[in-house]
Amino acid sequence: MNVIFPASVVLSLYKKVFRVKRTVVEHWSGYLPDDGSYKGSALKHFTKKCISGASKIWHVSHFKKQL
């Protein structure tokens, strides 16, 4: 997925119904401190939930991996 939220809501349900593993490839630059788009309790809640339930997390850059 390109941006975790709102896709994470649907994928969480999909994972429960079909019992499949989920991997995340994150591209969104909104998590970078310079961007400042990572705001709001719903966004943070669903992002953390999706990340914690993922089997593997892929990062598109070494810089984002450090965050």
PDB file of N, CA and C in Angstrom:
ATOM      1  N   MET A   1       0.835  -1.175   0.000  1.00  0.00           N
ATOM      2  CA  MET A   1       0.000   0.000   0.000  1.00  0.00           C
ATOM      3  C   MET A   1       0.879   1.236   0.000  1.00  0.00           C
ATOM      4  N   ASN A   2       0.429   2.265  -0.613  1.00  0.00           N
ATOM      5  CA  ASN A   2       1.207   3.492  -0.692  1.00  0.00           C
ATOM      6  C   ASN A   2       1.090   4.285   0.606  1.00  0.00           C
ATOM      7  N   VAL A   3      -0.098   4.408   1.136  1.00  0.00           N
ATOM      8  CA  VAL A   3      -0.330   5.094   2.403  1.00  0.00           C
ATOM      9  C   VAL A   3      -1.114   4.132   3.290  1.00  0.00           C
ATOM     10  N   ILE A   4      -0.652   3.907   4.504  1.00  0.00           N
ATOM     11  CA  ILE A   4      -1.240   2.890   5.375  1.00  0.00           C
ATOM     12  C   ILE A   4      -2.711   3.162   5.693  1.00  0.00           C
ATOM     13  N   PHE A   5      -3.050   4.376   6.044  1.00  0.00           N
ATOM     14  CA  PHE A   5      -4.433   4.704   6.377  1.00  0.00           C
ATOM     15  C   PHE A   5      -5.058   5.452   5.217  1.00  0.00           C
ATOM     16  N   PRO A   6      -6.213   5.086   4.732  1.00  0.00           N
ATOM     17  CA  PRO A   6      -7.273   4.247   5.276  1.00  0.00           C
ATOM     18  C   PRO A   6      -7.241   2.783   4.812  1.00  0.00           C
ATOM     19  N   ALA A   7      -6.296   2.409   3.969  1.00  0.00           N
ATOM     20  CA  ALA A   7      -6.251   1.033   3.467  1.00  0.00           C
ATOM     21  C   ALA A   7      -6.094   0.017   4.593  1.00  0.00           C
ATOM     22  N   SER A   8      -5.447   0.407   5.676  1.00  0.00           N
ATOM     23  CA  SER A   8      -5.214  -0.532   6.780  1.00  0.00           C
ATOM     24  C   SER A   8      -6.507  -1.024   7.415  1.00  0.00           C
ATOM     25  N   VAL A   9      -7.549  -0.226   7.374  1.00  0.00           N
ATOM     26  CA  VAL A   9      -8.828  -0.633   7.953  1.00  0.00           C
ATOM     27  C   VAL A   9      -9.385  -1.827   7.180  1.00  0.00           C
ATOM     28  N   VAL A  10      -9.378  -1.732   5.865  1.00  0.00           N
ATOM     29  CA  VAL A  10      -9.887  -2.812   5.018  1.00  0.00           C
ATOM     30  C   VAL A  10      -8.979  -4.028   5.097  1.00  0.00           C
ATOM     31  N   LEU A  11      -7.675  -3.826   5.096  1.00  0.00           N
ATOM     32  CA  LEU A  11      -6.742  -4.946   5.132  1.00  0.00           C
ATOM     33  C   LEU A  11      -6.799  -5.709   6.447  1.00  0.00           C
ATOM     34  N   SER A  12      -7.065  -5.037   7.532  1.00  0.00           N
ATOM     35  CA  SER A  12      -7.213  -5.715   8.821  1.00  0.00           C
ATOM     36  C   SER A  12      -8.399  -6.676   8.791  1.00  0.00           C
ATOM     37  N   LEU A  13      -9.485  -6.240   8.204  1.00  0.00           N
ATOM     38  CA  LEU A  13     -10.658  -7.104   8.075  1.00  0.00           C
ATOM     39  C   LEU A  13     -10.369  -8.265   7.120  1.00  0.00           C
ATOM     40  N   TYR A  14      -9.690  -7.999   6.029  1.00  0.00           N
ATOM     41  CA  TYR A  14      -9.321  -9.016   5.053  1.00  0.00           C
ATOM     42  C   TYR A  14      -8.445 -10.088   5.699  1.00  0.00           C
ATOM     43  N   LYS A  15      -7.504  -9.659   6.511  1.00  0.00           N
ATOM     44  CA  LYS A  15      -6.605 -10.593   7.183  1.00  0.00           C
ATOM     45  C   LYS A  15      -7.383 -11.505   8.135  1.00  0.00           C
ATOM     46  N   LYS A  16      -8.335 -10.954   8.852  1.00  0.00           N
ATOM     47  CA  LYS A  16      -9.127 -11.756   9.789  1.00  0.00           C
ATOM     48  C   LYS A  16     -10.009 -12.766   9.067  1.00  0.00           C
ATOM     49  N   VAL A  17     -10.641 -12.353   7.985  1.00  0.00           N
ATOM     50  CA  VAL A  17     -11.559 -13.226   7.262  1.00  0.00           C
ATOM     51  C   VAL A  17     -10.818 -14.349   6.538  1.00  0.00           C
ATOM     52  N   PHE A  18      -9.742 -14.017   5.827  1.00  0.00           N
ATOM     53  CA  PHE A  18      -9.054 -14.994   4.992  1.00  0.00           C
ATOM     54  C   PHE A  18      -7.813 -15.608   5.655  1.00  0.00           C
ATOM     55  N   ARG A  19      -7.456 -15.106   6.817  1.00  0.00           N
ATOM     56  CA  ARG A  19      -6.313 -15.620   7.582  1.00  0.00           C
ATOM     57  C   ARG A  19      -5.035 -15.690   6.735  1.00  0.00           C
ATOM     58  N   VAL A  20      -4.683 -14.574   6.182  1.00  0.00           N
ATOM     59  CA  VAL A  20      -3.476 -14.467   5.362  1.00  0.00           C
ATOM     60  C   VAL A  20      -2.480 -13.531   6.039  1.00  0.00           C
ATOM     61  N   LYS A  21      -1.214 -13.675   5.677  1.00  0.00           N
ATOM     62  CA  LYS A  21      -0.185 -12.771   6.190  1.00  0.00           C
ATOM     63  C   LYS A  21      -0.233 -11.467   5.410  1.00  0.00           C
ATOM     64  N   ARG A  22       0.219 -10.425   6.072  1.00  0.00           N
ATOM     65  CA  ARG A  22       0.203  -9.105   5.427  1.00  0.00           C
ATOM     66  C   ARG A  22       1.595  -8.504   5.509  1.00  0.00           C
ATOM     67  N   THR A  23       2.071  -7.993   4.392  1.00  0.00           N
ATOM     68  CA  THR A  23       3.313  -7.237   4.390  1.00  0.00           C
ATOM     69  C   THR A  23       2.992  -5.796   4.000  1.00  0.00           C
ATOM     70  N   VAL A  24       3.823  -4.887   4.444  1.00  0.00           N
ATOM     71  CA  VAL A  24       3.599  -3.469   4.190  1.00  0.00           C
ATOM     72  C   VAL A  24       4.818  -2.897   3.479  1.00  0.00           C
ATOM     73  N   VAL A  25       4.582  -2.208   2.375  1.00  0.00           N
ATOM     74  CA  VAL A  25       5.618  -1.432   1.696  1.00  0.00           C
ATOM     75  C   VAL A  25       5.187   0.018   1.818  1.00  0.00           C
ATOM     76  N   GLU A  26       5.919   0.780   2.587  1.00  0.00           N
ATOM     77  CA  GLU A  26       5.507   2.150   2.886  1.00  0.00           C
ATOM     78  C   GLU A  26       6.272   3.154   2.037  1.00  0.00           C
ATOM     79  N   HIS A  27       5.512   4.020   1.339  1.00  0.00           N
ATOM     80  CA  HIS A  27       6.094   5.026   0.446  1.00  0.00           C
ATOM     81  C   HIS A  27       5.813   6.452   0.908  1.00  0.00           C
ATOM     82  N   TRP A  28       4.875   6.621   1.801  1.00  0.00           N
ATOM     83  CA  TRP A  28       4.371   7.957   2.116  1.00  0.00           C
ATOM     84  C   TRP A  28       5.423   8.800   2.818  1.00  0.00           C
ATOM     85  N   SER A  29       5.649   9.995   2.316  1.00  0.00           N
ATOM     86  CA  SER A  29       6.635  10.895   2.926  1.00  0.00           C
ATOM     87  C   SER A  29       6.040  11.681   4.095  1.00  0.00           C
ATOM     88  N   GLY A  30       4.770  11.499   4.371  1.00  0.00           N
ATOM     89  CA  GLY A  30       4.119  12.204   5.475  1.00  0.00           C
ATOM     90  C   GLY A  30       4.653  11.830   6.842  1.00  0.00           C
ATOM     91  N   TYR A  31       5.334  10.679   6.953  1.00  0.00           N
ATOM     92  CA  TYR A  31       5.923  10.286   8.234  1.00  0.00           C
ATOM     93  C   TYR A  31       7.211  11.038   8.533  1.00  0.00           C
ATOM     94  N   LEU A  32       7.773  11.669   7.546  1.00  0.00           N
ATOM     95  CA  LEU A  32       9.019  12.405   7.749  1.00  0.00           C
ATOM     96  C   LEU A  32       8.744  13.655   8.596  1.00  0.00           C
ATOM     97  N   PRO A  33       9.617  13.945   9.548  1.00  0.00           N
ATOM     98  CA  PRO A  33       9.403  15.111  10.423  1.00  0.00           C
ATOM     99  C   PRO A  33       9.283  16.424   9.656  1.00  0.00           C
ATOM    100  N   ASP A  34       9.980  16.555   8.556  1.00  0.00           N
ATOM    101  CA  ASP A  34       9.925  17.793   7.768  1.00  0.00           C
ATOM    102  C   ASP A  34       8.569  17.994   7.098  1.00  0.00           C
ATOM    103  N   ASP A  35       7.858  16.915   6.818  1.00  0.00           N
ATOM    104  CA  ASP A  35       6.575  17.000   6.130  1.00  0.00           C
ATOM    105  C   ASP A  35       5.476  17.481   7.073  1.00  0.00           C
ATOM    106  N   GLY A  36       5.361  16.869   8.235  1.00  0.00           N
ATOM    107  CA  GLY A  36       4.374  17.287   9.224  1.00  0.00           C
ATOM    108  C   GLY A  36       2.951  16.824   8.977  1.00  0.00           C
ATOM    109  N   SER A  37       2.746  15.875   8.068  1.00  0.00           N
ATOM    110  CA  SER A  37       1.393  15.404   7.758  1.00  0.00           C
ATOM    111  C   SER A  37       0.910  14.282   8.669  1.00  0.00           C
ATOM    112  N   TYR A  38       1.793  13.719   9.465  1.00  0.00           N
ATOM    113  CA  TYR A  38       1.427  12.595  10.334  1.00  0.00           C
ATOM    114  C   TYR A  38       0.799  13.145  11.606  1.00  0.00           C
ATOM    115  N   LYS A  39      -0.493  13.478  11.510  1.00  0.00           N
ATOM    116  CA  LYS A  39      -1.232  14.076  12.618  1.00  0.00           C
ATOM    117  C   LYS A  39      -2.587  13.403  12.758  1.00  0.00           C
ATOM    118  N   GLY A  40      -3.156  13.487  13.918  1.00  0.00           N
ATOM    119  CA  GLY A  40      -4.498  12.981  14.159  1.00  0.00           C
ATOM    120  C   GLY A  40      -4.494  11.628  14.840  1.00  0.00           C
ATOM    121  N   SER A  41      -5.390  11.466  15.777  1.00  0.00           N
ATOM    122  CA  SER A  41      -5.426  10.230  16.560  1.00  0.00           C
ATOM    123  C   SER A  41      -5.868   9.026  15.740  1.00  0.00           C
ATOM    124  N   ALA A  42      -6.807   9.190  14.810  1.00  0.00           N
ATOM    125  CA  ALA A  42      -7.259   8.062  13.982  1.00  0.00           C
ATOM    126  C   ALA A  42      -6.126   7.573  13.090  1.00  0.00           C
ATOM    127  N   LEU A  43      -5.426   8.485  12.460  1.00  0.00           N
ATOM    128  CA  LEU A  43      -4.300   8.118  11.587  1.00  0.00           C
ATOM    129  C   LEU A  43      -3.233   7.367  12.373  1.00  0.00           C
ATOM    130  N   LYS A  44      -2.869   7.870  13.526  1.00  0.00           N
ATOM    131  CA  LYS A  44      -1.828   7.236  14.334  1.00  0.00           C
ATOM    132  C   LYS A  44      -2.288   5.883  14.879  1.00  0.00           C
ATOM    133  N   HIS A  45      -3.528   5.771  15.293  1.00  0.00           N
ATOM    134  CA  HIS A  45      -4.058   4.512  15.819  1.00  0.00           C
ATOM    135  C   HIS A  45      -4.017   3.413  14.753  1.00  0.00           C
ATOM    136  N   PHE A  46      -4.576   3.686  13.583  1.00  0.00           N
ATOM    137  CA  PHE A  46      -4.638   2.672  12.533  1.00  0.00           C
ATOM    138  C   PHE A  46      -3.268   2.357  11.946  1.00  0.00           C
ATOM    139  N   THR A  47      -2.386   3.332  11.903  1.00  0.00           N
ATOM    140  CA  THR A  47      -1.026   3.076  11.421  1.00  0.00           C
ATOM    141  C   THR A  47      -0.315   2.113  12.360  1.00  0.00           C
ATOM    142  N   LYS A  48      -0.388   2.370  13.647  1.00  0.00           N
ATOM    143  CA  LYS A  48       0.266   1.489  14.628  1.00  0.00           C
ATOM    144  C   LYS A  48      -0.339   0.090  14.594  1.00  0.00           C
ATOM    145  N   LYS A  49      -1.642   0.013  14.469  1.00  0.00           N
ATOM    146  CA  LYS A  49      -2.322  -1.282  14.426  1.00  0.00           C
ATOM    147  C   LYS A  49      -1.899  -2.079  13.185  1.00  0.00           C
ATOM    148  N   CYS A  50      -1.826  -1.427  12.054  1.00  0.00           N
ATOM    149  CA  CYS A  50      -1.438  -2.095  10.815  1.00  0.00           C
ATOM    150  C   CYS A  50       0.008  -2.565  10.870  1.00  0.00           C
ATOM    151  N   ILE A  51       0.880  -1.721  11.366  1.00  0.00           N
ATOM    152  CA  ILE A  51       2.298  -2.069  11.456  1.00  0.00           C
ATOM    153  C   ILE A  51       2.506  -3.230  12.413  1.00  0.00           C
ATOM    154  N   SER A  52       1.807  -3.219  13.537  1.00  0.00           N
ATOM    155  CA  SER A  52       1.999  -4.284  14.523  1.00  0.00           C
ATOM    156  C   SER A  52       1.485  -5.631  14.017  1.00  0.00           C
ATOM    157  N   GLY A  53       0.525  -5.631  13.107  1.00  0.00           N
ATOM    158  CA  GLY A  53      -0.019  -6.870  12.573  1.00  0.00           C
ATOM    159  C   GLY A  53       0.649  -7.359  11.309  1.00  0.00           C
ATOM    160  N   ALA A  54       1.637  -6.630  10.826  1.00  0.00           N
ATOM    161  CA  ALA A  54       2.296  -7.007   9.572  1.00  0.00           C
ATOM    162  C   ALA A  54       3.352  -8.084   9.799  1.00  0.00           C
ATOM    163  N   SER A  55       3.459  -8.986   8.856  1.00  0.00           N
ATOM    164  CA  SER A  55       4.480 -10.027   8.916  1.00  0.00           C
ATOM    165  C   SER A  55       5.850  -9.473   8.536  1.00  0.00           C
ATOM    166  N   LYS A  56       5.861  -8.503   7.639  1.00  0.00           N
ATOM    167  CA  LYS A  56       7.106  -7.899   7.152  1.00  0.00           C
ATOM    168  C   LYS A  56       6.827  -6.458   6.780  1.00  0.00           C
ATOM    169  N   ILE A  57       7.773  -5.578   7.061  1.00  0.00           N
ATOM    170  CA  ILE A  57       7.665  -4.174   6.677  1.00  0.00           C
ATOM    171  C   ILE A  57       8.829  -3.847   5.758  1.00  0.00           C
ATOM    172  N   TRP A  58       8.513  -3.377   4.577  1.00  0.00           N
ATOM    173  CA  TRP A  58       9.527  -2.989   3.588  1.00  0.00           C
ATOM    174  C   TRP A  58       9.593  -1.464   3.541  1.00  0.00           C
ATOM    175  N   HIS A  59      10.785  -0.936   3.494  1.00  0.00           N
ATOM    176  CA  HIS A  59      10.993   0.516   3.433  1.00  0.00           C
ATOM    177  C   HIS A  59      11.584   0.866   2.074  1.00  0.00           C
ATOM    178  N   VAL A  60      11.168   1.978   1.520  1.00  0.00           N
ATOM    179  CA  VAL A  60      11.646   2.371   0.202  1.00  0.00           C
ATOM    180  C   VAL A  60      12.977   3.115   0.262  1.00  0.00           C
ATOM    181  N   SER A  61      13.399   3.504   1.457  1.00  0.00           N
ATOM    182  CA  SER A  61      14.691   4.172   1.586  1.00  0.00           C
ATOM    183  C   SER A  61      15.290   3.890   2.966  1.00  0.00           C
ATOM    184  N   HIS A  62      16.579   3.962   3.054  1.00  0.00           N
ATOM    185  CA  HIS A  62      17.263   3.752   4.334  1.00  0.00           C
ATOM    186  C   HIS A  62      16.878   4.846   5.324  1.00  0.00           C
ATOM    187  N   PHE A  63      16.671   6.058   4.842  1.00  0.00           N
ATOM    188  CA  PHE A  63      16.291   7.181   5.695  1.00  0.00           C
ATOM    189  C   PHE A  63      14.966   6.907   6.400  1.00  0.00           C
ATOM    190  N   LYS A  64      13.957   6.414   5.661  1.00  0.00           N
ATOM    191  CA  LYS A  64      12.650   6.136   6.261  1.00  0.00           C
ATOM    192  C   LYS A  64      12.723   4.968   7.233  1.00  0.00           C
ATOM    193  N   LYS A  65      13.610   4.041   6.979  1.00  0.00           N
ATOM    194  CA  LYS A  65      13.770   2.907   7.885  1.00  0.00           C
ATOM    195  C   LYS A  65      14.213   3.371   9.263  1.00  0.00           C
ATOM    196  N   GLN A  66      14.995   4.421   9.325  1.00  0.00           N
ATOM    197  CA  GLN A  66      15.507   4.945  10.586  1.00  0.00           C
ATOM    198  C   GLN A  66      14.418   5.608  11.424  1.00  0.00           C
ATOM    199  N   LEU A  67      13.310   5.994  10.809  1.00  0.00           N
ATOM    200  CA  LEU A  67      12.227   6.646  11.543  1.00  0.00           C
ATOM    201  C   LEU A  67      11.513   5.613  12.308  1.00  0.00           C
TER     202      LEU A  67
END
